Amino acid sequence: MSEIKYEIIKNIGMLSKSASGWAKEVNLISWNDREAKYDIREWSADHEKMGKGVTLSMAEVMALKELLNGIEL
């Protein structure tokens, strides 16, 4: 299995942090030298290890923002 190459272009923010030190973050990431996309996943403190996550295009982020704005909390 080939290694996945990634570069965190911009850290948007942290959503939560577990007792183990892993943090659920929103980042702008370039995967395998492709155009950067928005990404939500858990990362180890040194960003060397990652959990499963979801990657979103700008259009998907805008659609998600619209959906979240419509939620009554």
PDB file of N, CA and C in Angstrom:
ATOM      1  N   MET A   1       0.847  -1.186   0.000  1.00  0.00           N
ATOM      2  CA  MET A   1       0.000   0.000   0.000  1.00  0.00           C
ATOM      3  C   MET A   1       0.887   1.242   0.000  1.00  0.00           C
ATOM      4  N   SER A   2       0.610   2.170  -0.906  1.00  0.00           N
ATOM      5  CA  SER A   2       1.435   3.364  -1.007  1.00  0.00           C
ATOM      6  C   SER A   2       1.126   4.345   0.121  1.00  0.00           C
ATOM      7  N   GLU A   3       2.118   5.135   0.452  1.00  0.00           N
ATOM      8  CA  GLU A   3       1.972   6.109   1.531  1.00  0.00           C
ATOM      9  C   GLU A   3       1.178   7.316   1.041  1.00  0.00           C
ATOM     10  N   ILE A   4       0.323   7.814   1.898  1.00  0.00           N
ATOM     11  CA  ILE A   4      -0.482   8.989   1.574  1.00  0.00           C
ATOM     12  C   ILE A   4       0.320  10.234   1.936  1.00  0.00           C
ATOM     13  N   LYS A   5       0.439  11.145   0.989  1.00  0.00           N
ATOM     14  CA  LYS A   5       1.158  12.392   1.213  1.00  0.00           C
ATOM     15  C   LYS A   5       0.134  13.481   1.527  1.00  0.00           C
ATOM     16  N   TYR A   6       0.411  14.263   2.555  1.00  0.00           N
ATOM     17  CA  TYR A   6      -0.510  15.346   2.903  1.00  0.00           C
ATOM     18  C   TYR A   6       0.267  16.546   3.418  1.00  0.00           C
ATOM     19  N   GLU A   7      -0.322  17.715   3.236  1.00  0.00           N
ATOM     20  CA  GLU A   7       0.238  18.949   3.774  1.00  0.00           C
ATOM     21  C   GLU A   7      -0.906  19.763   4.356  1.00  0.00           C
ATOM     22  N   ILE A   8      -0.805  20.063   5.640  1.00  0.00           N
ATOM     23  CA  ILE A   8      -1.808  20.917   6.272  1.00  0.00           C
ATOM     24  C   ILE A   8      -1.497  22.356   5.874  1.00  0.00           C
ATOM     25  N   ILE A   9      -2.342  22.911   5.026  1.00  0.00           N
ATOM     26  CA  ILE A   9      -2.152  24.271   4.516  1.00  0.00           C
ATOM     27  C   ILE A   9      -2.547  25.294   5.570  1.00  0.00           C
ATOM     28  N   LYS A  10      -3.681  25.028   6.239  1.00  0.00           N
ATOM     29  CA  LYS A  10      -4.173  25.970   7.255  1.00  0.00           C
ATOM     30  C   LYS A  10      -4.976  25.213   8.300  1.00  0.00           C
ATOM     31  N   ASN A  11      -4.669  25.466   9.563  1.00  0.00           N
ATOM     32  CA  ASN A  11      -5.456  24.910  10.660  1.00  0.00           C
ATOM     33  C   ASN A  11      -6.598  25.874  10.929  1.00  0.00           C
ATOM     34  N   ILE A  12      -7.823  25.397  10.718  1.00  0.00           N
ATOM     35  CA  ILE A  12      -9.008  26.243  10.930  1.00  0.00           C
ATOM     36  C   ILE A  12      -9.359  26.284  12.412  1.00  0.00           C
ATOM     37  N   GLY A  13      -9.295  25.116  13.080  1.00  0.00           N
ATOM     38  CA  GLY A  13      -9.580  25.087  14.505  1.00  0.00           C
ATOM     39  C   GLY A  13      -9.798  23.680  15.033  1.00  0.00           C
ATOM     40  N   MET A  14      -9.851  23.588  16.355  1.00  0.00           N
ATOM     41  CA  MET A  14     -10.058  22.309  17.028  1.00  0.00           C
ATOM     42  C   MET A  14     -11.502  22.235  17.524  1.00  0.00           C
ATOM     43  N   LEU A  15     -12.143  21.093  17.274  1.00  0.00           N
ATOM     44  CA  LEU A  15     -13.515  20.888  17.730  1.00  0.00           C
ATOM     45  C   LEU A  15     -13.551  20.268  19.123  1.00  0.00           C
ATOM     46  N   SER A  16     -12.626  19.338  19.377  1.00  0.00           N
ATOM     47  CA  SER A  16     -12.559  18.688  20.690  1.00  0.00           C
ATOM     48  C   SER A  16     -11.204  18.025  20.861  1.00  0.00           C
ATOM     49  N   LYS A  17     -10.903  17.656  22.109  1.00  0.00           N
ATOM     50  CA  LYS A  17      -9.649  16.964  22.415  1.00  0.00           C
ATOM     51  C   LYS A  17      -9.955  15.845  23.390  1.00  0.00           C
ATOM     52  N   SER A  18      -9.432  14.648  23.103  1.00  0.00           N
ATOM     53  CA  SER A  18      -9.686  13.494  23.968  1.00  0.00           C
ATOM     54  C   SER A  18      -8.638  13.421  25.077  1.00  0.00           C
ATOM     55  N   ALA A  19      -8.892  12.580  26.062  1.00  0.00           N
ATOM     56  CA  ALA A  19      -7.958  12.391  27.175  1.00  0.00           C
ATOM     57  C   ALA A  19      -6.628  11.842  26.686  1.00  0.00           C
ATOM     58  N   SER A  20      -6.637  11.127  25.556  1.00  0.00           N
ATOM     59  CA  SER A  20      -5.403  10.552  25.015  1.00  0.00           C
ATOM     60  C   SER A  20      -4.540  11.591  24.305  1.00  0.00           C
ATOM     61  N   GLY A  21      -5.056  12.801  24.124  1.00  0.00           N
ATOM     62  CA  GLY A  21      -4.294  13.859  23.477  1.00  0.00           C
ATOM     63  C   GLY A  21      -4.631  14.057  22.006  1.00  0.00           C
ATOM     64  N   TRP A  22      -5.439  13.150  21.438  1.00  0.00           N
ATOM     65  CA  TRP A  22      -5.849  13.309  20.048  1.00  0.00           C
ATOM     66  C   TRP A  22      -6.885  14.422  19.960  1.00  0.00           C
ATOM     67  N   ALA A  23      -6.810  15.202  18.878  1.00  0.00           N
ATOM     68  CA  ALA A  23      -7.720  16.333  18.706  1.00  0.00           C
ATOM     69  C   ALA A  23      -8.510  16.189  17.415  1.00  0.00           C
ATOM     70  N   LYS A  24      -9.802  16.474  17.482  1.00  0.00           N
ATOM     71  CA  LYS A  24     -10.639  16.520  16.283  1.00  0.00           C
ATOM     72  C   LYS A  24     -10.523  17.937  15.738  1.00  0.00           C
ATOM     73  N   GLU A  25      -9.991  18.050  14.520  1.00  0.00           N
ATOM     74  CA  GLU A  25      -9.678  19.354  13.954  1.00  0.00           C
ATOM     75  C   GLU A  25     -10.345  19.565  12.599  1.00  0.00           C
ATOM     76  N   VAL A  26     -10.506  20.834  12.272  1.00  0.00           N
ATOM     77  CA  VAL A  26     -10.903  21.239  10.925  1.00  0.00           C
ATOM     78  C   VAL A  26      -9.676  21.904  10.312  1.00  0.00           C
ATOM     79  N   ASN A  27      -9.229  21.367   9.172  1.00  0.00           N
ATOM     80  CA  ASN A  27      -8.038  21.874   8.508  1.00  0.00           C
ATOM     81  C   ASN A  27      -8.283  22.000   7.015  1.00  0.00           C
ATOM     82  N   LEU A  28      -7.465  22.811   6.363  1.00  0.00           N
ATOM     83  CA  LEU A  28      -7.406  22.867   4.911  1.00  0.00           C
ATOM     84  C   LEU A  28      -6.170  22.050   4.537  1.00  0.00           C
ATOM     85  N   ILE A  29      -6.371  20.934   3.812  1.00  0.00           N
ATOM     86  CA  ILE A  29      -5.286  19.981   3.559  1.00  0.00           C
ATOM     87  C   ILE A  29      -5.168  19.675   2.074  1.00  0.00           C
ATOM     88  N   SER A  30      -3.930  19.609   1.612  1.00  0.00           N
ATOM     89  CA  SER A  30      -3.628  19.134   0.266  1.00  0.00           C
ATOM     90  C   SER A  30      -3.242  17.667   0.378  1.00  0.00           C
ATOM     91  N   TRP A  31      -4.010  16.788  -0.262  1.00  0.00           N
ATOM     92  CA  TRP A  31      -3.737  15.342  -0.254  1.00  0.00           C
ATOM     93  C   TRP A  31      -3.048  14.970  -1.558  1.00  0.00           C
ATOM     94  N   ASN A  32      -1.892  14.321  -1.455  1.00  0.00           N
ATOM     95  CA  ASN A  32      -1.153  13.839  -2.640  1.00  0.00           C
ATOM     96  C   ASN A  32      -0.944  14.931  -3.684  1.00  0.00           C
ATOM     97  N   ASP A  33      -0.539  16.115  -3.212  1.00  0.00           N
ATOM     98  CA  ASP A  33      -0.216  17.267  -4.068  1.00  0.00           C
ATOM     99  C   ASP A  33      -1.406  17.769  -4.888  1.00  0.00           C
ATOM    100  N   ARG A  34      -2.615  17.476  -4.464  1.00  0.00           N
ATOM    101  CA  ARG A  34      -3.811  17.963  -5.157  1.00  0.00           C
ATOM    102  C   ARG A  34      -4.288  19.267  -4.522  1.00  0.00           C
ATOM    103  N   GLU A  35      -5.313  19.849  -5.135  1.00  0.00           N
ATOM    104  CA  GLU A  35      -5.901  21.080  -4.607  1.00  0.00           C
ATOM    105  C   GLU A  35      -6.361  20.846  -3.170  1.00  0.00           C
ATOM    106  N   ALA A  36      -6.109  21.813  -2.303  1.00  0.00           N
ATOM    107  CA  ALA A  36      -6.463  21.688  -0.889  1.00  0.00           C
ATOM    108  C   ALA A  36      -7.977  21.642  -0.716  1.00  0.00           C
ATOM    109  N   LYS A  37      -8.415  20.823   0.249  1.00  0.00           N
ATOM    110  CA  LYS A  37      -9.828  20.696   0.592  1.00  0.00           C
ATOM    111  C   LYS A  37      -9.976  20.800   2.106  1.00  0.00           C
ATOM    112  N   TYR A  38     -11.182  21.085   2.538  1.00  0.00           N
ATOM    113  CA  TYR A  38     -11.470  21.150   3.961  1.00  0.00           C
ATOM    114  C   TYR A  38     -11.595  19.733   4.499  1.00  0.00           C
ATOM    115  N   ASP A  39     -11.107  19.523   5.703  1.00  0.00           N
ATOM    116  CA  ASP A  39     -10.992  18.174   6.248  1.00  0.00           C
ATOM    117  C   ASP A  39     -11.317  18.193   7.739  1.00  0.00           C
ATOM    118  N   ILE A  40     -12.123  17.220   8.175  1.00  0.00           N
ATOM    119  CA  ILE A  40     -12.453  17.063   9.594  1.00  0.00           C
ATOM    120  C   ILE A  40     -12.027  15.656   9.996  1.00  0.00           C
ATOM    121  N   ARG A  41     -11.099  15.554  10.959  1.00  0.00           N
ATOM    122  CA  ARG A  41     -10.644  14.244  11.440  1.00  0.00           C
ATOM    123  C   ARG A  41      -9.859  14.410  12.732  1.00  0.00           C
ATOM    124  N   GLU A  42      -9.589  13.282  13.392  1.00  0.00           N
ATOM    125  CA  GLU A  42      -8.775  13.292  14.607  1.00  0.00           C
ATOM    126  C   GLU A  42      -7.306  13.138  14.241  1.00  0.00           C
ATOM    127  N   TRP A  43      -6.470  13.870  14.974  1.00  0.00           N
ATOM    128  CA  TRP A  43      -5.022  13.854  14.771  1.00  0.00           C
ATOM    129  C   TRP A  43      -4.318  13.634  16.100  1.00  0.00           C
ATOM    130  N   SER A  44      -3.184  12.939  16.026  1.00  0.00           N
ATOM    131  CA  SER A  44      -2.319  12.843  17.198  1.00  0.00           C
ATOM    132  C   SER A  44      -1.703  14.228  17.423  1.00  0.00           C
ATOM    133  N   ALA A  45      -1.139  14.435  18.598  1.00  0.00           N
ATOM    134  CA  ALA A  45      -0.601  15.752  18.952  1.00  0.00           C
ATOM    135  C   ALA A  45       0.465  16.234  17.965  1.00  0.00           C
ATOM    136  N   ASP A  46       1.264  15.315  17.425  1.00  0.00           N
ATOM    137  CA  ASP A  46       2.338  15.687  16.500  1.00  0.00           C
ATOM    138  C   ASP A  46       1.914  15.670  15.027  1.00  0.00           C
ATOM    139  N   HIS A  47       0.650  15.401  14.757  1.00  0.00           N
ATOM    140  CA  HIS A  47       0.094  15.315  13.400  1.00  0.00           C
ATOM    141  C   HIS A  47       0.770  14.243  12.545  1.00  0.00           C
ATOM    142  N   GLU A  48       1.377  13.253  13.175  1.00  0.00           N
ATOM    143  CA  GLU A  48       1.994  12.147  12.445  1.00  0.00           C
ATOM    144  C   GLU A  48       0.995  11.021  12.188  1.00  0.00           C
ATOM    145  N   LYS A  49      -0.015  10.897  13.051  1.00  0.00           N
ATOM    146  CA  LYS A  49      -1.036   9.863  12.910  1.00  0.00           C
ATOM    147  C   LYS A  49      -2.395  10.531  12.819  1.00  0.00           C
ATOM    148  N   MET A  50      -3.292   9.887  12.055  1.00  0.00           N
ATOM    149  CA  MET A  50      -4.628  10.450  11.871  1.00  0.00           C
ATOM    150  C   MET A  50      -5.675   9.361  11.922  1.00  0.00           C
ATOM    151  N   GLY A  51      -6.872   9.756  12.296  1.00  0.00           N
ATOM    152  CA  GLY A  51      -8.012   8.843  12.268  1.00  0.00           C
ATOM    153  C   GLY A  51      -8.786   9.027  10.976  1.00  0.00           C
ATOM    154  N   LYS A  52      -9.861   8.275  10.858  1.00  0.00           N
ATOM    155  CA  LYS A  52     -10.737   8.429   9.691  1.00  0.00           C
ATOM    156  C   LYS A  52     -11.424   9.779   9.768  1.00  0.00           C
ATOM    157  N   GLY A  53     -11.690  10.325   8.616  1.00  0.00           N
ATOM    158  CA  GLY A  53     -12.312  11.634   8.598  1.00  0.00           C
ATOM    159  C   GLY A  53     -13.123  11.849   7.347  1.00  0.00           C
ATOM    160  N   VAL A  54     -13.511  13.084   7.142  1.00  0.00           N
ATOM    161  CA  VAL A  54     -14.279  13.464   5.955  1.00  0.00           C
ATOM    162  C   VAL A  54     -13.605  14.680   5.325  1.00  0.00           C
ATOM    163  N   THR A  55     -13.511  14.651   3.992  1.00  0.00           N
ATOM    164  CA  THR A  55     -12.909  15.734   3.231  1.00  0.00           C
ATOM    165  C   THR A  55     -14.003  16.382   2.387  1.00  0.00           C
ATOM    166  N   LEU A  56     -14.037  17.709   2.400  1.00  0.00           N
ATOM    167  CA  LEU A  56     -15.109  18.451   1.736  1.00  0.00           C
ATOM    168  C   LEU A  56     -14.557  19.496   0.774  1.00  0.00           C
ATOM    169  N   SER A  57     -15.187  19.605  -0.384  1.00  0.00           N
ATOM    170  CA  SER A  57     -14.858  20.683  -1.318  1.00  0.00           C
ATOM    171  C   SER A  57     -15.446  21.989  -0.773  1.00  0.00           C
ATOM    172  N   MET A  58     -15.083  23.097  -1.387  1.00  0.00           N
ATOM    173  CA  MET A  58     -15.638  24.388  -0.974  1.00  0.00           C
ATOM    174  C   MET A  58     -17.157  24.393  -1.132  1.00  0.00           C
ATOM    175  N   ALA A  59     -17.666  23.824  -2.224  1.00  0.00           N
ATOM    176  CA  ALA A  59     -19.119  23.768  -2.441  1.00  0.00           C
ATOM    177  C   ALA A  59     -19.797  22.959  -1.335  1.00  0.00           C
ATOM    178  N   GLU A  60     -19.176  21.859  -0.910  1.00  0.00           N
ATOM    179  CA  GLU A  60     -19.743  21.039   0.156  1.00  0.00           C
ATOM    180  C   GLU A  60     -19.696  21.766   1.499  1.00  0.00           C
ATOM    181  N   VAL A  61     -18.632  22.527   1.748  1.00  0.00           N
ATOM    182  CA  VAL A  61     -18.540  23.315   2.989  1.00  0.00           C
ATOM    183  C   VAL A  61     -19.631  24.375   3.013  1.00  0.00           C
ATOM    184  N   MET A  62     -19.875  25.007   1.868  1.00  0.00           N
ATOM    185  CA  MET A  62     -20.922  26.023   1.797  1.00  0.00           C
ATOM    186  C   MET A  62     -22.302  25.400   2.028  1.00  0.00           C
ATOM    187  N   ALA A  63     -22.535  24.211   1.467  1.00  0.00           N
ATOM    188  CA  ALA A  63     -23.810  23.521   1.675  1.00  0.00           C
ATOM    189  C   ALA A  63     -23.965  23.111   3.139  1.00  0.00           C
ATOM    190  N   LEU A  64     -22.894  22.627   3.754  1.00  0.00           N
ATOM    191  CA  LEU A  64     -22.927  22.253   5.168  1.00  0.00           C
ATOM    192  C   LEU A  64     -23.208  23.467   6.041  1.00  0.00           C
ATOM    193  N   LYS A  65     -22.589  24.591   5.713  1.00  0.00           N
ATOM    194  CA  LYS A  65     -22.819  25.830   6.473  1.00  0.00           C
ATOM    195  C   LYS A  65     -24.293  26.231   6.403  1.00  0.00           C
ATOM    196  N   GLU A  66     -24.883  26.134   5.220  1.00  0.00           N
ATOM    197  CA  GLU A  66     -26.315  26.449   5.060  1.00  0.00           C
ATOM    198  C   GLU A  66     -27.166  25.528   5.935  1.00  0.00           C
ATOM    199  N   LEU A  67     -26.846  24.219   5.920  1.00  0.00           N
ATOM    200  CA  LEU A  67     -27.597  23.265   6.741  1.00  0.00           C
ATOM    201  C   LEU A  67     -27.461  23.581   8.216  1.00  0.00           C
ATOM    202  N   LEU A  68     -26.245  23.863   8.662  1.00  0.00           N
ATOM    203  CA  LEU A  68     -26.016  24.137  10.085  1.00  0.00           C
ATOM    204  C   LEU A  68     -26.671  25.437  10.517  1.00  0.00           C
ATOM    205  N   ASN A  69     -26.685  26.423   9.633  1.00  0.00           N
ATOM    206  CA  ASN A  69     -27.347  27.694   9.959  1.00  0.00           C
ATOM    207  C   ASN A  69     -28.847  27.501  10.174  1.00  0.00           C
ATOM    208  N   GLY A  70     -29.417  26.462   9.558  1.00  0.00           N
ATOM    209  CA  GLY A  70     -30.844  26.204   9.682  1.00  0.00           C
ATOM    210  C   GLY A  70     -31.230  25.397  10.912  1.00  0.00           C
ATOM    211  N   ILE A  71     -30.242  24.935  11.659  1.00  0.00           N
ATOM    212  CA  ILE A  71     -30.524  24.134  12.850  1.00  0.00           C
ATOM    213  C   ILE A  71     -30.838  25.054  14.027  1.00  0.00           C
ATOM    214  N   GLU A  72     -31.926  24.749  14.726  1.00  0.00           N
ATOM    215  CA  GLU A  72     -32.260  25.512  15.913  1.00  0.00           C
ATOM    216  C   GLU A  72     -31.669  24.794  17.118  1.00  0.00           C
ATOM    217  N   LEU A  73     -30.768  25.459  17.802  1.00  0.00           N
ATOM    218  CA  LEU A  73     -30.099  24.861  18.966  1.00  0.00           C
ATOM    219  C   LEU A  73     -30.688  25.345  20.276  1.00  0.00           C
TER     220      LEU A  73
END
